[in-house]
Amino acid sequence: MIRVNLDVVMAMRKMGSGELAEKIELTPANLSILKNNKAKAIRFSTLDALCKELNCQPGDVLEYVPDEQ
């Protein structure tokens, strides 16, 4: 499973959802879907914009969590 830690990175940068959505030209609804781990995919262009705006690496936003067996 891939976990999205976007809320953690945003909190560390003291950036709200509305501000980030506007800066990366993403709708607040789509940002919310991503933030709440409901997204099935993410475009590289969106990941690139997130990393640029939040001054982070893709691994700061996305984390692989093995399935429990």
C-alpha atoms as a PDB file:
ATOM      1  CA  MET A   1       0.000   0.000   0.000  1.00  0.00           C
ATOM      2  CA  ILE A   2       1.175   3.530  -0.729  1.00  0.00           C
ATOM      3  CA  ARG A   3       0.459   6.020   2.047  1.00  0.00           C
ATOM      4  CA  VAL A   4       0.226   9.723   1.239  1.00  0.00           C
ATOM      5  CA  ASN A   5       1.839  11.862   3.952  1.00  0.00           C
ATOM      6  CA  LEU A   6       0.892  15.137   2.334  1.00  0.00           C
ATOM      7  CA  ASP A   7      -0.858  16.439   5.457  1.00  0.00           C
ATOM      8  CA  VAL A   8       2.326  15.911   7.505  1.00  0.00           C
ATOM      9  CA  VAL A   9       4.509  17.773   5.004  1.00  0.00           C
ATOM     10  CA  MET A  10       1.943  20.575   4.725  1.00  0.00           C
ATOM     11  CA  ALA A  11       1.828  20.929   8.518  1.00  0.00           C
ATOM     12  CA  MET A  12       5.629  21.107   8.694  1.00  0.00           C
ATOM     13  CA  ARG A  13       5.554  23.885   6.072  1.00  0.00           C
ATOM     14  CA  LYS A  14       2.576  25.584   7.765  1.00  0.00           C
ATOM     15  CA  MET A  15       0.605  25.580   4.518  1.00  0.00           C
ATOM     16  CA  GLY A  16      -3.148  25.135   4.290  1.00  0.00           C
ATOM     17  CA  SER A  17      -4.998  23.094   1.687  1.00  0.00           C
ATOM     18  CA  GLY A  18      -6.564  26.067  -0.058  1.00  0.00           C
ATOM     19  CA  GLU A  19      -3.247  27.864  -0.425  1.00  0.00           C
ATOM     20  CA  LEU A  20      -1.446  24.768  -1.715  1.00  0.00           C
ATOM     21  CA  ALA A  21      -4.235  23.870  -4.149  1.00  0.00           C
ATOM     22  CA  GLU A  22      -4.110  27.373  -5.609  1.00  0.00           C
ATOM     23  CA  LYS A  23      -0.320  27.418  -5.891  1.00  0.00           C
ATOM     24  CA  ILE A  24      -0.136  24.078  -7.727  1.00  0.00           C
ATOM     25  CA  GLU A  25      -3.283  24.729  -9.781  1.00  0.00           C
ATOM     26  CA  LEU A  26      -5.202  21.752  -8.431  1.00  0.00           C
ATOM     27  CA  THR A  27      -8.818  21.884  -7.327  1.00  0.00           C
ATOM     28  CA  PRO A  28      -9.309  21.776  -3.544  1.00  0.00           C
ATOM     29  CA  ALA A  29     -11.470  18.662  -4.042  1.00  0.00           C
ATOM     30  CA  ASN A  30      -8.680  16.829  -5.887  1.00  0.00           C
ATOM     31  CA  LEU A  31      -6.114  17.877  -3.293  1.00  0.00           C
ATOM     32  CA  SER A  32      -8.429  16.556  -0.579  1.00  0.00           C
ATOM     33  CA  ILE A  33      -8.753  13.212  -2.379  1.00  0.00           C
ATOM     34  CA  LEU A  34      -4.971  12.973  -2.539  1.00  0.00           C
ATOM     35  CA  LYS A  35      -4.466  14.116   1.055  1.00  0.00           C
ATOM     36  CA  ASN A  36      -6.979  11.607   2.417  1.00  0.00           C
ATOM     37  CA  ASN A  37      -5.398   8.607   0.662  1.00  0.00           C
ATOM     38  CA  LYS A  38      -8.407   8.191  -1.645  1.00  0.00           C
ATOM     39  CA  ALA A  39      -6.510   8.722  -4.921  1.00  0.00           C
ATOM     40  CA  LYS A  40      -5.845   5.738  -7.175  1.00  0.00           C
ATOM     41  CA  ALA A  41      -3.010   7.509  -9.017  1.00  0.00           C
ATOM     42  CA  ILE A  42      -1.003  10.716  -9.118  1.00  0.00           C
ATOM     43  CA  ARG A  43       0.441  12.401 -12.180  1.00  0.00           C
ATOM     44  CA  PHE A  44       4.163  13.081 -12.169  1.00  0.00           C
ATOM     45  CA  SER A  45       3.377  16.707 -13.025  1.00  0.00           C
ATOM     46  CA  THR A  46       1.266  16.965  -9.836  1.00  0.00           C
ATOM     47  CA  LEU A  47       3.949  15.277  -7.746  1.00  0.00           C
ATOM     48  CA  ASP A  48       6.536  17.615  -9.272  1.00  0.00           C
ATOM     49  CA  ALA A  49       4.411  20.670  -8.424  1.00  0.00           C
ATOM     50  CA  LEU A  50       3.877  19.437  -4.853  1.00  0.00           C
ATOM     51  CA  CYS A  51       7.602  18.854  -4.335  1.00  0.00           C
ATOM     52  CA  LYS A  52       8.518  22.251  -5.780  1.00  0.00           C
ATOM     53  CA  GLU A  53       5.962  24.128  -3.685  1.00  0.00           C
ATOM     54  CA  LEU A  54       6.614  22.209  -0.460  1.00  0.00           C
ATOM     55  CA  ASN A  55      10.386  22.048  -1.021  1.00  0.00           C
ATOM     56  CA  CYS A  56      10.443  18.296  -0.438  1.00  0.00           C
ATOM     57  CA  GLN A  57      11.244  14.983  -2.108  1.00  0.00           C
ATOM     58  CA  PRO A  58       8.649  12.512  -3.485  1.00  0.00           C
ATOM     59  CA  GLY A  59       9.548  10.156  -0.627  1.00  0.00           C
ATOM     60  CA  ASP A  60       8.468  12.808   1.870  1.00  0.00           C
ATOM     61  CA  VAL A  61       4.960  12.763   0.373  1.00  0.00           C
ATOM     62  CA  LEU A  62       4.615   9.066  -0.581  1.00  0.00           C
ATOM     63  CA  GLU A  63       5.487   6.087   1.602  1.00  0.00           C
ATOM     64  CA  TYR A  64       5.319   2.362   0.847  1.00  0.00           C
ATOM     65  CA  VAL A  65       3.699   0.343   3.650  1.00  0.00           C
ATOM     66  CA  PRO A  66       3.809  -3.452   3.217  1.00  0.00           C
ATOM     67  CA  ASP A  67       0.525  -5.341   3.545  1.00  0.00           C
ATOM     68  CA  GLU A  68       0.139  -7.244   6.793  1.00  0.00           C
ATOM     69  CA  GLN A  69       0.187 -10.991   6.184  1.00  0.00           C
END
